[in-house]
């Protein structure tokens, strides 16, 4: 097994926590600020298929998925789905609004890149994923 630079694990942990917190905040906003009904109406206005299902699904993905990223639990698949989420937002909402926030692609592009990095790099050493893998490995050795 190749030795991994511990700084890479530290970098993944920092990226994972920051990206996770941002996603959690967006999920929180969808649930408790806009409300699922407001998000449903917004999705409907964009032509998102099945907005009544998509709105709570995306709010949950962002809120719970963000928390999972912070913990480093199921980091690769969660990060992949979050990347798909923000790439969809990029194309449906932000692309025609230039680069800079609040309406441009800047934030969603950054989140997509961060999520892709986590999906490719994994959760890193300081994560629930790594702790669970170590626990499973110890169980096989006994």
C-alpha atoms as a PDB file:
ATOM      1  CA  UNK A   1       0.000   0.000   0.000  1.00  0.00           C
ATOM      2  CA  UNK A   2       1.337   3.409  -0.962  1.00  0.00           C
ATOM      3  CA  UNK A   3       2.117   5.874   1.796  1.00  0.00           C
ATOM      4  CA  UNK A   4      -0.138   8.888   1.590  1.00  0.00           C
ATOM      5  CA  UNK A   5       1.086  12.354   2.474  1.00  0.00           C
ATOM      6  CA  UNK A   6      -0.691  13.311   5.722  1.00  0.00           C
ATOM      7  CA  UNK A   7      -1.145  16.833   4.359  1.00  0.00           C
ATOM      8  CA  UNK A   8      -3.414  15.385   1.658  1.00  0.00           C
ATOM      9  CA  UNK A   9      -5.652  13.949   4.381  1.00  0.00           C
ATOM     10  CA  UNK A  10      -5.645  17.273   6.202  1.00  0.00           C
ATOM     11  CA  UNK A  11      -6.522  19.085   2.968  1.00  0.00           C
ATOM     12  CA  UNK A  12      -9.369  16.640   2.251  1.00  0.00           C
ATOM     13  CA  UNK A  13     -10.720  17.099   5.776  1.00  0.00           C
ATOM     14  CA  UNK A  14     -10.682  20.894   5.450  1.00  0.00           C
ATOM     15  CA  UNK A  15     -12.306  20.777   2.009  1.00  0.00           C
ATOM     16  CA  UNK A  16     -14.883  18.217   3.134  1.00  0.00           C
ATOM     17  CA  UNK A  17     -15.902  20.201   6.226  1.00  0.00           C
ATOM     18  CA  UNK A  18     -16.132  23.565   4.445  1.00  0.00           C
ATOM     19  CA  UNK A  19     -18.045  22.193   1.445  1.00  0.00           C
ATOM     20  CA  UNK A  20     -20.293  20.195   3.783  1.00  0.00           C
ATOM     21  CA  UNK A  21     -21.149  23.260   5.858  1.00  0.00           C
ATOM     22  CA  UNK A  22     -22.045  25.264   2.733  1.00  0.00           C
ATOM     23  CA  UNK A  23     -24.306  22.467   1.485  1.00  0.00           C
ATOM     24  CA  UNK A  24     -25.906  22.135   4.924  1.00  0.00           C
ATOM     25  CA  UNK A  25     -26.642  25.866   4.928  1.00  0.00           C
ATOM     26  CA  UNK A  26     -28.294  25.632   1.518  1.00  0.00           C
ATOM     27  CA  UNK A  27     -30.382  22.648   2.614  1.00  0.00           C
ATOM     28  CA  UNK A  28     -31.346  24.490   5.807  1.00  0.00           C
ATOM     29  CA  UNK A  29     -32.383  27.473   3.695  1.00  0.00           C
ATOM     30  CA  UNK A  30     -34.564  25.268   1.503  1.00  0.00           C
ATOM     31  CA  UNK A  31     -36.304  23.690   4.505  1.00  0.00           C
ATOM     32  CA  UNK A  32     -36.598  26.587   6.942  1.00  0.00           C
ATOM     33  CA  UNK A  33     -36.258  29.878   5.034  1.00  0.00           C
ATOM     34  CA  UNK A  34     -37.823  29.286   1.612  1.00  0.00           C
ATOM     35  CA  UNK A  35     -39.801  26.296   2.799  1.00  0.00           C
ATOM     36  CA  UNK A  36     -40.310  23.174   0.741  1.00  0.00           C
ATOM     37  CA  UNK A  37     -43.409  24.768  -0.832  1.00  0.00           C
ATOM     38  CA  UNK A  38     -41.377  27.767  -1.953  1.00  0.00           C
ATOM     39  CA  UNK A  39     -38.656  25.536  -3.365  1.00  0.00           C
ATOM     40  CA  UNK A  40     -41.295  23.433  -5.115  1.00  0.00           C
ATOM     41  CA  UNK A  41     -42.752  26.551  -6.751  1.00  0.00           C
ATOM     42  CA  UNK A  42     -39.280  27.734  -7.770  1.00  0.00           C
ATOM     43  CA  UNK A  43     -38.416  24.326  -9.257  1.00  0.00           C
ATOM     44  CA  UNK A  44     -41.765  24.320 -11.075  1.00  0.00           C
ATOM     45  CA  UNK A  45     -41.005  27.742 -12.584  1.00  0.00           C
ATOM     46  CA  UNK A  46     -37.696  26.356 -13.880  1.00  0.00           C
ATOM     47  CA  UNK A  47     -39.399  23.364 -15.481  1.00  0.00           C
ATOM     48  CA  UNK A  48     -37.778  20.847 -13.134  1.00  0.00           C
ATOM     49  CA  UNK A  49     -39.599  17.533 -13.556  1.00  0.00           C
ATOM     50  CA  UNK A  50     -41.671  16.404 -10.539  1.00  0.00           C
ATOM     51  CA  UNK A  51     -40.939  19.521  -8.495  1.00  0.00           C
ATOM     52  CA  UNK A  52     -43.003  18.214  -5.555  1.00  0.00           C
ATOM     53  CA  UNK A  53     -40.591  15.306  -5.245  1.00  0.00           C
ATOM     54  CA  UNK A  54     -37.430  17.097  -6.381  1.00  0.00           C
ATOM     55  CA  UNK A  55     -37.705  19.948  -3.853  1.00  0.00           C
ATOM     56  CA  UNK A  56     -37.706  17.871  -0.640  1.00  0.00           C
ATOM     57  CA  UNK A  57     -35.204  15.431  -2.180  1.00  0.00           C
ATOM     58  CA  UNK A  58     -32.717  18.197  -2.989  1.00  0.00           C
ATOM     59  CA  UNK A  59     -33.264  19.941   0.356  1.00  0.00           C
ATOM     60  CA  UNK A  60     -32.589  16.638   2.123  1.00  0.00           C
ATOM     61  CA  UNK A  61     -29.572  15.841  -0.038  1.00  0.00           C
ATOM     62  CA  UNK A  62     -28.045  19.223   0.700  1.00  0.00           C
ATOM     63  CA  UNK A  63     -28.827  19.293   4.434  1.00  0.00           C
ATOM     64  CA  UNK A  64     -28.193  15.649   5.349  1.00  0.00           C
ATOM     65  CA  UNK A  65     -25.576  15.120   2.656  1.00  0.00           C
ATOM     66  CA  UNK A  66     -23.703  18.187   3.868  1.00  0.00           C
ATOM     67  CA  UNK A  67     -23.725  16.790   7.408  1.00  0.00           C
ATOM     68  CA  UNK A  68     -22.457  13.447   6.074  1.00  0.00           C
ATOM     69  CA  UNK A  69     -19.605  15.269   4.323  1.00  0.00           C
ATOM     70  CA  UNK A  70     -18.668  17.088   7.516  1.00  0.00           C
ATOM     71  CA  UNK A  71     -18.484  13.720   9.293  1.00  0.00           C
ATOM     72  CA  UNK A  72     -16.842  12.021   6.343  1.00  0.00           C
ATOM     73  CA  UNK A  73     -19.569   9.394   6.126  1.00  0.00           C
ATOM     74  CA  UNK A  74     -20.303   7.922   2.674  1.00  0.00           C
ATOM     75  CA  UNK A  75     -18.255  10.833   1.383  1.00  0.00           C
ATOM     76  CA  UNK A  76     -17.634   9.631  -2.172  1.00  0.00           C
ATOM     77  CA  UNK A  77     -21.240   8.855  -3.196  1.00  0.00           C
ATOM     78  CA  UNK A  78     -22.670  11.833  -1.296  1.00  0.00           C
ATOM     79  CA  UNK A  79     -20.133  14.166  -2.922  1.00  0.00           C
ATOM     80  CA  UNK A  80     -20.989  12.764  -6.351  1.00  0.00           C
ATOM     81  CA  UNK A  81     -24.724  13.392  -5.853  1.00  0.00           C
ATOM     82  CA  UNK A  82     -24.059  16.891  -4.493  1.00  0.00           C
ATOM     83  CA  UNK A  83     -21.894  17.623  -7.534  1.00  0.00           C
ATOM     84  CA  UNK A  84     -24.782  16.540  -9.782  1.00  0.00           C
ATOM     85  CA  UNK A  85     -27.110  18.781  -7.744  1.00  0.00           C
ATOM     86  CA  UNK A  86     -25.048  21.931  -8.232  1.00  0.00           C
ATOM     87  CA  UNK A  87     -24.210  21.193 -11.863  1.00  0.00           C
ATOM     88  CA  UNK A  88     -27.946  20.979 -12.511  1.00  0.00           C
ATOM     89  CA  UNK A  89     -28.374  24.326 -10.737  1.00  0.00           C
ATOM     90  CA  UNK A  90     -25.536  25.758 -12.815  1.00  0.00           C
ATOM     91  CA  UNK A  91     -27.258  24.850 -16.079  1.00  0.00           C
ATOM     92  CA  UNK A  92     -30.863  25.567 -15.027  1.00  0.00           C
ATOM     93  CA  UNK A  93     -30.366  28.775 -13.064  1.00  0.00           C
ATOM     94  CA  UNK A  94     -26.921  30.339 -13.103  1.00  0.00           C
ATOM     95  CA  UNK A  95     -25.359  29.906 -16.546  1.00  0.00           C
ATOM     96  CA  UNK A  96     -27.021  32.890 -18.186  1.00  0.00           C
ATOM     97  CA  UNK A  97     -26.219  35.225 -15.287  1.00  0.00           C
ATOM     98  CA  UNK A  98     -22.482  35.720 -15.725  1.00  0.00           C
ATOM     99  CA  UNK A  99     -19.707  34.580 -13.440  1.00  0.00           C
ATOM    100  CA  UNK A 100     -20.041  36.404 -10.131  1.00  0.00           C
ATOM    101  CA  UNK A 101     -22.460  35.791  -7.268  1.00  0.00           C
ATOM    102  CA  UNK A 102     -25.233  36.284  -6.323  1.00  0.00           C
ATOM    103  CA  UNK A 103     -26.677  34.939  -9.594  1.00  0.00           C
ATOM    104  CA  UNK A 104     -23.614  33.860 -11.568  1.00  0.00           C
ATOM    105  CA  UNK A 105     -21.870  30.495 -11.737  1.00  0.00           C
ATOM    106  CA  UNK A 106     -19.046  31.315  -9.287  1.00  0.00           C
ATOM    107  CA  UNK A 107     -20.442  29.588  -6.182  1.00  0.00           C
ATOM    108  CA  UNK A 108     -22.016  26.559  -7.854  1.00  0.00           C
ATOM    109  CA  UNK A 109     -18.907  25.969  -9.962  1.00  0.00           C
ATOM    110  CA  UNK A 110     -16.741  26.093  -6.824  1.00  0.00           C
ATOM    111  CA  UNK A 111     -19.068  23.708  -4.987  1.00  0.00           C
ATOM    112  CA  UNK A 112     -19.106  21.324  -7.962  1.00  0.00           C
ATOM    113  CA  UNK A 113     -15.301  21.336  -8.052  1.00  0.00           C
ATOM    114  CA  UNK A 114     -15.048  20.751  -4.311  1.00  0.00           C
ATOM    115  CA  UNK A 115     -17.587  17.941  -4.430  1.00  0.00           C
ATOM    116  CA  UNK A 116     -15.783  16.336  -7.376  1.00  0.00           C
ATOM    117  CA  UNK A 117     -12.468  16.505  -5.499  1.00  0.00           C
ATOM    118  CA  UNK A 118     -14.063  14.721  -2.531  1.00  0.00           C
ATOM    119  CA  UNK A 119     -15.730  12.143  -4.791  1.00  0.00           C
ATOM    120  CA  UNK A 120     -12.347  11.370  -6.360  1.00  0.00           C
ATOM    121  CA  UNK A 121     -10.126  11.741  -3.284  1.00  0.00           C
ATOM    122  CA  UNK A 122     -12.399  10.176  -0.702  1.00  0.00           C
ATOM    123  CA  UNK A 123     -13.001  11.319   2.827  1.00  0.00           C
ATOM    124  CA  UNK A 124      -9.397  11.146   3.999  1.00  0.00           C
ATOM    125  CA  UNK A 125      -7.931   9.754   7.194  1.00  0.00           C
ATOM    126  CA  UNK A 126      -9.895  11.926   9.593  1.00  0.00           C
ATOM    127  CA  UNK A 127     -13.360  10.651   8.750  1.00  0.00           C
ATOM    128  CA  UNK A 128     -16.126   8.296   9.726  1.00  0.00           C
ATOM    129  CA  UNK A 129     -15.488   6.355   6.500  1.00  0.00           C
ATOM    130  CA  UNK A 130     -11.885   5.643   7.534  1.00  0.00           C
ATOM    131  CA  UNK A 131     -12.875   4.739  11.105  1.00  0.00           C
ATOM    132  CA  UNK A 132     -15.512   2.307   9.839  1.00  0.00           C
ATOM    133  CA  UNK A 133     -13.068   0.749   7.356  1.00  0.00           C
ATOM    134  CA  UNK A 134     -10.489   0.273  10.123  1.00  0.00           C
ATOM    135  CA  UNK A 135     -13.111  -1.291  12.365  1.00  0.00           C
ATOM    136  CA  UNK A 136     -14.164  -3.703   9.612  1.00  0.00           C
ATOM    137  CA  UNK A 137     -10.516  -4.604   8.958  1.00  0.00           C
ATOM    138  CA  UNK A 138      -9.938  -5.321  12.662  1.00  0.00           C
ATOM    139  CA  UNK A 139     -13.017  -7.563  12.665  1.00  0.00           C
ATOM    140  CA  UNK A 140     -11.660  -9.610   9.761  1.00  0.00           C
ATOM    141  CA  UNK A 141      -8.300 -10.034  11.481  1.00  0.00           C
ATOM    142  CA  UNK A 142      -9.758 -11.426  14.697  1.00  0.00           C
END
